[in-house]
Amino acid sequence: MSGKLEVSFNSPQCGWMSIGFNDGVGEFHTTTAHAPYSGVLAELLETLVKLLEQEDFDHILKWNRNPEEFDFVFKRSSESVLFEIIEYPTEARDLEKGEKVYVYVGDAKHFAVQFYETFRQLYDERNIDEFEDNWHQKFPLAEFEELTRTIERG
């Protein structure tokens, strides 16, 4: 089992954002792009809400670095979450060329709270960092608020 998860999404710059995951056992860091998956942050927040609400949950979130592509795989069973990142060399997403570059297994609520903390920091600093200008998209406020309510309901 992985250790305590740390999630980092740095302030976006020119449509790019550095993201990272570190659990004391494994780590993954990359830079991701705002396009072509323009709703990826909102979808990520929606995924976390569903992950908390459904004991059996399975979802793949697509994201890219250009030309590389990523699948963020979320699987929940009971109170445990399995999070995997699969990297593909191109947008073709050829399964034979995909490489599992990160795996985390842990408590589903802890997992979602770590993402929430990262998004809270992005939200708190969104005006200072000119989030919308630098990410070329609006901050996903409604989805962030829904995740906040879901975590508070516990």
C-alpha atoms as a PDB file:
ATOM      1  CA  MET A   1       0.000   0.000   0.000  1.00  0.00           C
ATOM      2  CA  SER A   2       1.177   3.514  -0.764  1.00  0.00           C
ATOM      3  CA  GLY A   3       1.938   6.072   1.907  1.00  0.00           C
ATOM      4  CA  LYS A   4       0.356   9.433   2.533  1.00  0.00           C
ATOM      5  CA  LEU A   5      -0.525  11.112  -0.737  1.00  0.00           C
ATOM      6  CA  GLU A   6       0.604  14.626  -1.617  1.00  0.00           C
ATOM      7  CA  VAL A   7      -1.007  16.256  -4.662  1.00  0.00           C
ATOM      8  CA  SER A   8       0.422  19.390  -6.251  1.00  0.00           C
ATOM      9  CA  PHE A   9      -0.991  21.489  -9.061  1.00  0.00           C
ATOM     10  CA  ASN A  10       1.139  24.565  -9.579  1.00  0.00           C
ATOM     11  CA  SER A  11      -0.206  27.856 -10.874  1.00  0.00           C
ATOM     12  CA  PRO A  12      -0.756  27.629 -14.629  1.00  0.00           C
ATOM     13  CA  GLN A  13       1.446  29.491 -17.066  1.00  0.00           C
ATOM     14  CA  CYS A  14       0.608  30.084 -20.734  1.00  0.00           C
ATOM     15  CA  GLY A  15      -1.903  27.218 -20.855  1.00  0.00           C
ATOM     16  CA  TRP A  16       0.345  24.713 -19.062  1.00  0.00           C
ATOM     17  CA  MET A  17       0.264  23.442 -15.480  1.00  0.00           C
ATOM     18  CA  SER A  18       2.773  21.419 -13.531  1.00  0.00           C
ATOM     19  CA  ILE A  19       1.145  18.603 -11.552  1.00  0.00           C
ATOM     20  CA  GLY A  20       2.592  16.028  -9.215  1.00  0.00           C
ATOM     21  CA  PHE A  21       1.768  13.102  -6.967  1.00  0.00           C
ATOM     22  CA  ASN A  22       3.996  11.748  -4.212  1.00  0.00           C
ATOM     23  CA  ASP A  23       3.072   9.091  -1.674  1.00  0.00           C
ATOM     24  CA  GLY A  24       6.462   8.354  -0.148  1.00  0.00           C
ATOM     25  CA  VAL A  25       6.698   5.134  -2.172  1.00  0.00           C
ATOM     26  CA  GLY A  26       6.283   6.464  -5.690  1.00  0.00           C
ATOM     27  CA  GLU A  27       6.011   9.814  -7.344  1.00  0.00           C
ATOM     28  CA  PHE A  28       4.993  11.306 -10.650  1.00  0.00           C
ATOM     29  CA  HIS A  29       5.480  14.844 -11.961  1.00  0.00           C
ATOM     30  CA  THR A  30       4.651  16.284 -15.351  1.00  0.00           C
ATOM     31  CA  THR A  31       3.417  19.367 -17.125  1.00  0.00           C
ATOM     32  CA  THR A  32      -0.061  19.185 -18.618  1.00  0.00           C
ATOM     33  CA  ALA A  33      -1.855  21.291 -21.199  1.00  0.00           C
ATOM     34  CA  HIS A  34      -5.229  23.024 -21.050  1.00  0.00           C
ATOM     35  CA  ALA A  35      -6.164  21.686 -24.491  1.00  0.00           C
ATOM     36  CA  PRO A  36      -7.547  19.657 -26.130  1.00  0.00           C
ATOM     37  CA  TYR A  37      -9.307  18.456 -22.939  1.00  0.00           C
ATOM     38  CA  SER A  38     -10.709  21.849 -22.055  1.00  0.00           C
ATOM     39  CA  GLY A  39     -12.928  20.598 -19.231  1.00  0.00           C
ATOM     40  CA  VAL A  40     -10.358  18.399 -17.530  1.00  0.00           C
ATOM     41  CA  LEU A  41     -10.254  20.271 -14.202  1.00  0.00           C
ATOM     42  CA  ALA A  42     -14.048  20.315 -13.912  1.00  0.00           C
ATOM     43  CA  GLU A  43     -14.168  16.636 -14.885  1.00  0.00           C
ATOM     44  CA  LEU A  44     -11.513  15.820 -12.298  1.00  0.00           C
ATOM     45  CA  LEU A  45     -13.552  17.518  -9.564  1.00  0.00           C
ATOM     46  CA  GLU A  46     -16.737  15.755 -10.714  1.00  0.00           C
ATOM     47  CA  THR A  47     -14.851  12.457 -10.669  1.00  0.00           C
ATOM     48  CA  LEU A  48     -13.758  13.044  -7.069  1.00  0.00           C
ATOM     49  CA  VAL A  49     -17.348  13.768  -6.011  1.00  0.00           C
ATOM     50  CA  LYS A  50     -18.562  10.535  -7.612  1.00  0.00           C
ATOM     51  CA  LEU A  51     -15.640   8.643  -6.102  1.00  0.00           C
ATOM     52  CA  LEU A  52     -16.753   9.773  -2.645  1.00  0.00           C
ATOM     53  CA  GLU A  53     -20.433   9.051  -3.261  1.00  0.00           C
ATOM     54  CA  GLN A  54     -20.153   5.606  -4.892  1.00  0.00           C
ATOM     55  CA  GLU A  55     -18.563   2.617  -3.174  1.00  0.00           C
ATOM     56  CA  ASP A  56     -17.977   0.913  -6.514  1.00  0.00           C
ATOM     57  CA  PHE A  57     -16.643   3.431  -8.993  1.00  0.00           C
ATOM     58  CA  ASP A  58     -14.491   3.261 -12.123  1.00  0.00           C
ATOM     59  CA  HIS A  59     -13.571   6.207 -14.358  1.00  0.00           C
ATOM     60  CA  ILE A  60     -10.857   7.181 -16.835  1.00  0.00           C
ATOM     61  CA  LEU A  61      -9.984  10.870 -17.171  1.00  0.00           C
ATOM     62  CA  LYS A  62      -8.057  11.841 -20.294  1.00  0.00           C
ATOM     63  CA  TRP A  63      -5.401  14.544 -20.148  1.00  0.00           C
ATOM     64  CA  ASN A  64      -2.378  15.462 -22.249  1.00  0.00           C
ATOM     65  CA  ARG A  65       1.064  17.004 -22.340  1.00  0.00           C
ATOM     66  CA  ASN A  66       1.270  17.185 -26.164  1.00  0.00           C
ATOM     67  CA  PRO A  67       2.188  14.990 -27.843  1.00  0.00           C
ATOM     68  CA  GLU A  68       1.997  12.601 -24.875  1.00  0.00           C
ATOM     69  CA  GLU A  69      -1.417  11.623 -23.522  1.00  0.00           C
ATOM     70  CA  PHE A  70      -2.433  10.373 -20.084  1.00  0.00           C
ATOM     71  CA  ASP A  71      -5.227   8.262 -18.684  1.00  0.00           C
ATOM     72  CA  PHE A  72      -5.912   8.972 -15.025  1.00  0.00           C
ATOM     73  CA  VAL A  73      -7.658   5.800 -13.866  1.00  0.00           C
ATOM     74  CA  PHE A  74      -9.829   6.002 -10.737  1.00  0.00           C
ATOM     75  CA  LYS A  75     -11.224   2.823  -9.168  1.00  0.00           C
ATOM     76  CA  ARG A  76     -12.963   2.618  -5.829  1.00  0.00           C
ATOM     77  CA  SER A  77     -13.998  -0.520  -4.033  1.00  0.00           C
ATOM     78  CA  SER A  78     -15.464  -0.106  -0.556  1.00  0.00           C
ATOM     79  CA  GLU A  79     -13.295   2.478   1.258  1.00  0.00           C
ATOM     80  CA  SER A  80     -10.202   1.966  -0.897  1.00  0.00           C
ATOM     81  CA  VAL A  81      -9.144   3.789  -4.052  1.00  0.00           C
ATOM     82  CA  LEU A  82      -6.773   2.670  -6.784  1.00  0.00           C
ATOM     83  CA  PHE A  83      -5.371   5.559  -8.827  1.00  0.00           C
ATOM     84  CA  GLU A  84      -3.195   4.825 -11.847  1.00  0.00           C
ATOM     85  CA  ILE A  85      -1.624   7.069 -14.449  1.00  0.00           C
ATOM     86  CA  ILE A  86      -1.023   5.528 -17.859  1.00  0.00           C
ATOM     87  CA  GLU A  87       1.177   7.474 -20.291  1.00  0.00           C
ATOM     88  CA  TYR A  88       0.908   7.102 -24.075  1.00  0.00           C
ATOM     89  CA  PRO A  89       3.492   8.501 -26.518  1.00  0.00           C
ATOM     90  CA  THR A  90       0.802  10.065 -28.760  1.00  0.00           C
ATOM     91  CA  GLU A  91      -2.893  10.877 -28.873  1.00  0.00           C
ATOM     92  CA  ALA A  92      -3.476   7.468 -30.507  1.00  0.00           C
ATOM     93  CA  ARG A  93      -3.583   5.913 -27.006  1.00  0.00           C
ATOM     94  CA  ASP A  94      -2.256   2.590 -28.284  1.00  0.00           C
ATOM     95  CA  LEU A  95      -2.708   0.235 -25.305  1.00  0.00           C
ATOM     96  CA  GLU A  96       0.380  -1.729 -26.301  1.00  0.00           C
ATOM     97  CA  LYS A  97       2.488   1.436 -26.073  1.00  0.00           C
ATOM     98  CA  GLY A  98       0.907   2.707 -22.856  1.00  0.00           C
ATOM     99  CA  GLU A  99       3.109   2.700 -19.762  1.00  0.00           C
ATOM    100  CA  LYS A 100       1.865   2.706 -16.189  1.00  0.00           C
ATOM    101  CA  VAL A 101       3.881   5.563 -14.670  1.00  0.00           C
ATOM    102  CA  TYR A 102       2.209   5.943 -11.262  1.00  0.00           C
ATOM    103  CA  VAL A 103       0.042   3.876  -8.910  1.00  0.00           C
ATOM    104  CA  TYR A 104      -1.522   4.878  -5.609  1.00  0.00           C
ATOM    105  CA  VAL A 105      -3.676   2.720  -3.334  1.00  0.00           C
ATOM    106  CA  GLY A 106      -5.233   4.190  -0.234  1.00  0.00           C
ATOM    107  CA  ASP A 107      -8.255   5.516   1.596  1.00  0.00           C
ATOM    108  CA  ALA A 108     -10.796   7.089  -0.773  1.00  0.00           C
ATOM    109  CA  LYS A 109     -11.635  10.034   1.491  1.00  0.00           C
ATOM    110  CA  HIS A 110      -7.984  10.858   2.182  1.00  0.00           C
ATOM    111  CA  PHE A 111      -7.346  10.700  -1.561  1.00  0.00           C
ATOM    112  CA  ALA A 112     -10.161  13.142  -2.392  1.00  0.00           C
ATOM    113  CA  VAL A 113      -9.200  15.512   0.447  1.00  0.00           C
ATOM    114  CA  GLN A 114      -5.652  15.786  -0.906  1.00  0.00           C
ATOM    115  CA  PHE A 115      -7.017  16.896  -4.279  1.00  0.00           C
ATOM    116  CA  TYR A 116      -9.422  19.264  -2.520  1.00  0.00           C
ATOM    117  CA  GLU A 117      -6.532  20.922  -0.644  1.00  0.00           C
ATOM    118  CA  THR A 118      -4.682  21.456  -3.909  1.00  0.00           C
ATOM    119  CA  PHE A 119      -7.735  22.935  -5.601  1.00  0.00           C
ATOM    120  CA  ARG A 120      -8.380  25.122  -2.552  1.00  0.00           C
ATOM    121  CA  GLN A 121      -4.911  26.576  -2.931  1.00  0.00           C
ATOM    122  CA  LEU A 122      -5.480  27.187  -6.662  1.00  0.00           C
ATOM    123  CA  TYR A 123      -8.808  28.833  -5.789  1.00  0.00           C
ATOM    124  CA  ASP A 124      -7.296  31.022  -3.049  1.00  0.00           C
ATOM    125  CA  GLU A 125      -4.535  32.208  -5.378  1.00  0.00           C
ATOM    126  CA  ARG A 126      -6.570  32.388  -8.612  1.00  0.00           C
ATOM    127  CA  ASN A 127      -6.637  36.191  -8.769  1.00  0.00           C
ATOM    128  CA  ILE A 128      -2.992  36.643  -7.790  1.00  0.00           C
ATOM    129  CA  ASP A 129      -1.897  34.033 -10.321  1.00  0.00           C
ATOM    130  CA  GLU A 130      -4.323  35.256 -13.001  1.00  0.00           C
ATOM    131  CA  PHE A 131      -5.575  31.692 -13.255  1.00  0.00           C
ATOM    132  CA  GLU A 132      -8.083  32.222 -16.057  1.00  0.00           C
ATOM    133  CA  ASP A 133      -5.637  34.129 -18.262  1.00  0.00           C
ATOM    134  CA  ASN A 134      -2.839  31.644 -17.654  1.00  0.00           C
ATOM    135  CA  TRP A 135      -4.920  28.442 -17.942  1.00  0.00           C
ATOM    136  CA  HIS A 136      -7.001  29.917 -20.800  1.00  0.00           C
ATOM    137  CA  GLN A 137     -10.144  28.707 -19.015  1.00  0.00           C
ATOM    138  CA  LYS A 138     -12.303  29.670 -16.078  1.00  0.00           C
ATOM    139  CA  PHE A 139     -11.655  28.128 -12.689  1.00  0.00           C
ATOM    140  CA  PRO A 140     -14.196  25.277 -12.240  1.00  0.00           C
ATOM    141  CA  LEU A 141     -15.945  26.996  -9.332  1.00  0.00           C
ATOM    142  CA  ALA A 142     -19.252  25.090  -9.330  1.00  0.00           C
ATOM    143  CA  GLU A 143     -17.457  21.726  -9.354  1.00  0.00           C
ATOM    144  CA  PHE A 144     -15.047  22.879  -6.641  1.00  0.00           C
ATOM    145  CA  GLU A 145     -17.971  23.980  -4.462  1.00  0.00           C
ATOM    146  CA  GLU A 146     -19.677  20.602  -5.004  1.00  0.00           C
ATOM    147  CA  LEU A 147     -16.524  18.759  -3.916  1.00  0.00           C
ATOM    148  CA  THR A 148     -16.317  21.031  -0.859  1.00  0.00           C
ATOM    149  CA  ARG A 149     -19.925  20.183   0.120  1.00  0.00           C
ATOM    150  CA  THR A 150     -19.367  16.471  -0.489  1.00  0.00           C
ATOM    151  CA  ILE A 151     -16.284  16.380   1.740  1.00  0.00           C
ATOM    152  CA  GLU A 152     -18.026  18.414   4.456  1.00  0.00           C
ATOM    153  CA  ARG A 153     -20.975  15.944   4.447  1.00  0.00           C
ATOM    154  CA  GLY A 154     -18.343  13.334   5.137  1.00  0.00           C
END
